[in-house]
Amino acid sequence: MSITFTLNGAAVTVPIEEEAPLLAALRGPLGLSGTRFGCGQEQCGACLVLVDGEPAYGCTLHVGAVTGRRVTTVEGLGTPAAPHPLQAAFLELQAGQCGFCLSGVLLRASVLLRDNPDPTEDDVRAALDPHLCRCGSHNRIIRAVLRAAAQGQMA
């Protein structure tokens, strides 16, 4: 069986069973490593992607559910030559240590800034609450999101 959807702006067809987790398609045949497996139970946010612009957990979402839809991973947020303002702010402030959680954090923060371009620190904390950061970079992550918001130009 094959599943067709739009991934980071390009149409893709993946030879995979409908019941397979989206994460398996992303990391397997599609070769993207930014989205990560953490807990497998929607509790950590490491597998977070955007489906039609809204957060979704790639560890539990069946790939068949994204047929004909738009999926964005951290690889689709920006490029090394033209990073998304969030990516630039995270780099400037060295907002992550191990980086394991950052792909999901960046995508969730992009939704926050899309919907609320001028968030308060409490807004950022509430939006990122579902994400676990085990290396303790929480404060730097929050500062980076606020810096990106202050710089504006969110896509």
C-alpha atoms as a PDB file:
ATOM      1  CA  MET A   1       0.000   0.000   0.000  1.00  0.00           C
ATOM      2  CA  SER A   2       1.126   3.605  -0.603  1.00  0.00           C
ATOM      3  CA  ILE A   3       0.120   6.827   1.112  1.00  0.00           C
ATOM      4  CA  THR A   4       0.299  10.214  -0.634  1.00  0.00           C
ATOM      5  CA  PHE A   5       0.462  13.532   1.199  1.00  0.00           C
ATOM      6  CA  THR A   6       2.292  16.854   1.114  1.00  0.00           C
ATOM      7  CA  LEU A   7       5.441  16.921   3.217  1.00  0.00           C
ATOM      8  CA  ASN A   8       7.169  20.236   3.827  1.00  0.00           C
ATOM      9  CA  GLY A   9       5.583  21.649   0.676  1.00  0.00           C
ATOM     10  CA  ALA A  10       6.297  18.735  -1.680  1.00  0.00           C
ATOM     11  CA  ALA A  11       4.034  15.848  -2.673  1.00  0.00           C
ATOM     12  CA  VAL A  12       5.300  12.478  -1.466  1.00  0.00           C
ATOM     13  CA  THR A  13       4.123   8.912  -1.874  1.00  0.00           C
ATOM     14  CA  VAL A  14       5.283   6.446   0.738  1.00  0.00           C
ATOM     15  CA  PRO A  15       5.058   2.656   0.432  1.00  0.00           C
ATOM     16  CA  ILE A  16       3.730   1.901   3.919  1.00  0.00           C
ATOM     17  CA  GLU A  17       0.685   0.420   5.598  1.00  0.00           C
ATOM     18  CA  GLU A  18      -2.068   2.864   6.617  1.00  0.00           C
ATOM     19  CA  GLU A  19      -1.896   1.778  10.266  1.00  0.00           C
ATOM     20  CA  ALA A  20       1.819   2.533  10.616  1.00  0.00           C
ATOM     21  CA  PRO A  21       2.648   5.573  12.738  1.00  0.00           C
ATOM     22  CA  LEU A  22       3.424   8.711  10.762  1.00  0.00           C
ATOM     23  CA  LEU A  23       6.737   8.814  12.615  1.00  0.00           C
ATOM     24  CA  ALA A  24       7.716   5.487  11.004  1.00  0.00           C
ATOM     25  CA  ALA A  25       7.171   6.950   7.536  1.00  0.00           C
ATOM     26  CA  LEU A  26       9.052  10.150   8.332  1.00  0.00           C
ATOM     27  CA  ARG A  27      12.110   8.482   9.855  1.00  0.00           C
ATOM     28  CA  GLY A  28      12.002   5.391   7.627  1.00  0.00           C
ATOM     29  CA  PRO A  29      11.351   5.668   3.897  1.00  0.00           C
ATOM     30  CA  LEU A  30      11.300   9.489   3.904  1.00  0.00           C
ATOM     31  CA  GLY A  31      14.644   9.722   5.732  1.00  0.00           C
ATOM     32  CA  LEU A  32      13.850  12.674   7.993  1.00  0.00           C
ATOM     33  CA  SER A  33      15.497  12.517  11.399  1.00  0.00           C
ATOM     34  CA  GLY A  34      14.304  15.753  13.034  1.00  0.00           C
ATOM     35  CA  THR A  35      11.069  14.280  14.364  1.00  0.00           C
ATOM     36  CA  ARG A  36      11.948  11.888  17.154  1.00  0.00           C
ATOM     37  CA  PHE A  37      10.452   8.988  19.067  1.00  0.00           C
ATOM     38  CA  GLY A  38      10.294   9.776  22.764  1.00  0.00           C
ATOM     39  CA  CYS A  39       7.610   8.082  24.796  1.00  0.00           C
ATOM     40  CA  GLY A  40       5.224   6.707  22.174  1.00  0.00           C
ATOM     41  CA  GLN A  41       2.245   7.935  24.223  1.00  0.00           C
ATOM     42  CA  GLU A  42       1.806  11.637  23.313  1.00  0.00           C
ATOM     43  CA  GLN A  43       3.390  12.637  26.621  1.00  0.00           C
ATOM     44  CA  CYS A  44       6.736  14.217  25.658  1.00  0.00           C
ATOM     45  CA  GLY A  45       6.270  16.105  22.371  1.00  0.00           C
ATOM     46  CA  ALA A  46       9.456  14.841  20.679  1.00  0.00           C
ATOM     47  CA  CYS A  47       7.378  13.460  17.790  1.00  0.00           C
ATOM     48  CA  LEU A  48       5.263  16.577  17.246  1.00  0.00           C
ATOM     49  CA  VAL A  49       4.564  17.605  13.644  1.00  0.00           C
ATOM     50  CA  LEU A  50       2.020  19.922  12.082  1.00  0.00           C
ATOM     51  CA  VAL A  51      -0.854  18.457  10.080  1.00  0.00           C
ATOM     52  CA  ASP A  52      -2.663  21.114   8.085  1.00  0.00           C
ATOM     53  CA  GLY A  53      -0.965  23.656  10.346  1.00  0.00           C
ATOM     54  CA  GLU A  54      -2.053  22.129  13.651  1.00  0.00           C
ATOM     55  CA  PRO A  55       0.030  20.120  16.148  1.00  0.00           C
ATOM     56  CA  ALA A  56      -0.223  16.333  15.922  1.00  0.00           C
ATOM     57  CA  TYR A  57       1.726  13.509  17.538  1.00  0.00           C
ATOM     58  CA  GLY A  58       3.576  11.469  14.928  1.00  0.00           C
ATOM     59  CA  CYS A  59       4.087   8.548  17.307  1.00  0.00           C
ATOM     60  CA  THR A  60       0.369   7.691  17.480  1.00  0.00           C
ATOM     61  CA  LEU A  61      -1.114   9.253  14.339  1.00  0.00           C
ATOM     62  CA  HIS A  62      -1.575   6.613  11.657  1.00  0.00           C
ATOM     63  CA  VAL A  63       0.043   7.597   8.390  1.00  0.00           C
ATOM     64  CA  GLY A  64      -3.223   6.805   6.593  1.00  0.00           C
ATOM     65  CA  ALA A  65      -4.819   9.733   8.446  1.00  0.00           C
ATOM     66  CA  VAL A  66      -2.596  12.213   6.593  1.00  0.00           C
ATOM     67  CA  THR A  67      -3.586  11.069   3.099  1.00  0.00           C
ATOM     68  CA  GLY A  68      -4.092  14.209   1.012  1.00  0.00           C
ATOM     69  CA  ARG A  69      -3.092  16.503   3.890  1.00  0.00           C
ATOM     70  CA  ARG A  70      -0.151  18.838   4.578  1.00  0.00           C
ATOM     71  CA  VAL A  71       2.480  17.656   7.050  1.00  0.00           C
ATOM     72  CA  THR A  72       5.240  19.943   8.282  1.00  0.00           C
ATOM     73  CA  THR A  73       8.257  18.716  10.185  1.00  0.00           C
ATOM     74  CA  VAL A  74      11.075  20.781  11.666  1.00  0.00           C
ATOM     75  CA  GLU A  75      12.931  20.282   8.382  1.00  0.00           C
ATOM     76  CA  GLY A  76      10.157  22.267   6.682  1.00  0.00           C
ATOM     77  CA  LEU A  77      10.207  25.170   9.126  1.00  0.00           C
ATOM     78  CA  GLY A  78      13.262  26.863   7.646  1.00  0.00           C
ATOM     79  CA  THR A  79      16.551  26.092   5.936  1.00  0.00           C
ATOM     80  CA  PRO A  80      20.173  26.501   6.986  1.00  0.00           C
ATOM     81  CA  ALA A  81      20.447  29.413   4.543  1.00  0.00           C
ATOM     82  CA  ALA A  82      17.121  30.970   5.592  1.00  0.00           C
ATOM     83  CA  PRO A  83      16.188  29.776   9.085  1.00  0.00           C
ATOM     84  CA  HIS A  84      12.778  30.491  10.523  1.00  0.00           C
ATOM     85  CA  PRO A  85      12.994  33.351  13.086  1.00  0.00           C
ATOM     86  CA  LEU A  86      12.455  30.795  15.852  1.00  0.00           C
ATOM     87  CA  GLN A  87      15.370  28.689  14.644  1.00  0.00           C
ATOM     88  CA  ALA A  88      17.572  31.783  14.451  1.00  0.00           C
ATOM     89  CA  ALA A  89      16.607  32.856  17.987  1.00  0.00           C
ATOM     90  CA  PHE A  90      17.212  29.353  19.361  1.00  0.00           C
ATOM     91  CA  LEU A  91      20.676  29.340  17.807  1.00  0.00           C
ATOM     92  CA  GLU A  92      21.497  32.856  19.003  1.00  0.00           C
ATOM     93  CA  LEU A  93      20.533  32.030  22.584  1.00  0.00           C
ATOM     94  CA  GLN A  94      21.817  28.439  22.507  1.00  0.00           C
ATOM     95  CA  ALA A  95      18.356  27.463  23.705  1.00  0.00           C
ATOM     96  CA  GLY A  96      18.909  23.734  23.657  1.00  0.00           C
ATOM     97  CA  GLN A  97      21.531  21.390  24.951  1.00  0.00           C
ATOM     98  CA  CYS A  98      20.874  17.910  23.611  1.00  0.00           C
ATOM     99  CA  GLY A  99      18.236  19.083  21.120  1.00  0.00           C
ATOM    100  CA  PHE A 100      16.073  15.978  21.470  1.00  0.00           C
ATOM    101  CA  CYS A 101      12.907  17.938  22.287  1.00  0.00           C
ATOM    102  CA  LEU A 102      13.566  20.946  20.069  1.00  0.00           C
ATOM    103  CA  SER A 103      11.889  19.810  16.853  1.00  0.00           C
ATOM    104  CA  GLY A 104       8.530  19.522  18.601  1.00  0.00           C
ATOM    105  CA  VAL A 105       9.105  22.665  20.657  1.00  0.00           C
ATOM    106  CA  LEU A 106       9.947  24.696  17.541  1.00  0.00           C
ATOM    107  CA  LEU A 107       6.835  23.528  15.705  1.00  0.00           C
ATOM    108  CA  ARG A 108       4.521  24.169  18.664  1.00  0.00           C
ATOM    109  CA  ALA A 109       6.131  27.604  19.177  1.00  0.00           C
ATOM    110  CA  SER A 110       5.588  28.389  15.482  1.00  0.00           C
ATOM    111  CA  VAL A 111       1.861  27.740  15.942  1.00  0.00           C
ATOM    112  CA  LEU A 112       1.813  29.925  19.053  1.00  0.00           C
ATOM    113  CA  LEU A 113       3.470  32.826  17.217  1.00  0.00           C
ATOM    114  CA  ARG A 114       1.245  32.363  14.181  1.00  0.00           C
ATOM    115  CA  ASP A 115      -1.844  32.622  16.382  1.00  0.00           C
ATOM    116  CA  ASN A 116      -0.430  35.112  18.894  1.00  0.00           C
ATOM    117  CA  PRO A 117       2.446  37.195  17.481  1.00  0.00           C
ATOM    118  CA  ASP A 118       2.976  39.038  20.776  1.00  0.00           C
ATOM    119  CA  PRO A 119       2.801  36.386  23.523  1.00  0.00           C
ATOM    120  CA  THR A 120       3.590  36.939  27.163  1.00  0.00           C
ATOM    121  CA  GLU A 121       5.987  34.687  29.020  1.00  0.00           C
ATOM    122  CA  ASP A 122       2.954  32.950  30.537  1.00  0.00           C
ATOM    123  CA  ASP A 123       1.542  32.361  27.034  1.00  0.00           C
ATOM    124  CA  VAL A 124       4.801  30.714  25.955  1.00  0.00           C
ATOM    125  CA  ARG A 125       4.968  28.588  29.085  1.00  0.00           C
ATOM    126  CA  ALA A 126       1.358  27.425  28.598  1.00  0.00           C
ATOM    127  CA  ALA A 127       1.895  26.622  24.913  1.00  0.00           C
ATOM    128  CA  LEU A 128       5.066  24.626  25.562  1.00  0.00           C
ATOM    129  CA  ASP A 129       3.797  22.873  28.689  1.00  0.00           C
ATOM    130  CA  PRO A 130       3.116  19.570  26.840  1.00  0.00           C
ATOM    131  CA  HIS A 131       6.832  19.272  25.955  1.00  0.00           C
ATOM    132  CA  LEU A 132       9.404  17.593  28.147  1.00  0.00           C
ATOM    133  CA  CYS A 133      12.942  18.968  28.087  1.00  0.00           C
ATOM    134  CA  ARG A 134      15.169  16.660  30.062  1.00  0.00           C
ATOM    135  CA  CYS A 135      18.334  18.757  29.851  1.00  0.00           C
ATOM    136  CA  GLY A 136      16.782  21.717  31.652  1.00  0.00           C
ATOM    137  CA  SER A 137      16.889  24.367  28.923  1.00  0.00           C
ATOM    138  CA  HIS A 138      13.389  25.598  29.694  1.00  0.00           C
ATOM    139  CA  ASN A 139      14.319  29.184  30.523  1.00  0.00           C
ATOM    140  CA  ARG A 140      16.504  29.605  27.445  1.00  0.00           C
ATOM    141  CA  ILE A 141      13.782  28.071  25.275  1.00  0.00           C
ATOM    142  CA  ILE A 142      11.225  30.554  26.605  1.00  0.00           C
ATOM    143  CA  ARG A 143      13.615  33.476  26.069  1.00  0.00           C
ATOM    144  CA  ALA A 144      14.250  32.326  22.485  1.00  0.00           C
ATOM    145  CA  VAL A 145      10.519  32.163  21.685  1.00  0.00           C
ATOM    146  CA  LEU A 146      10.037  35.637  23.155  1.00  0.00           C
ATOM    147  CA  ARG A 147      13.025  36.959  21.156  1.00  0.00           C
ATOM    148  CA  ALA A 148      11.604  35.527  17.933  1.00  0.00           C
ATOM    149  CA  ALA A 149       8.244  37.131  18.716  1.00  0.00           C
ATOM    150  CA  ALA A 150       9.905  40.480  19.372  1.00  0.00           C
ATOM    151  CA  GLN A 151      11.694  40.284  16.028  1.00  0.00           C
ATOM    152  CA  GLY A 152       8.419  39.524  14.237  1.00  0.00           C
ATOM    153  CA  GLN A 153       8.246  38.318  10.626  1.00  0.00           C
ATOM    154  CA  MET A 154       6.592  34.993  11.463  1.00  0.00           C
ATOM    155  CA  ALA A 155       5.619  33.026   8.390  1.00  0.00           C
END
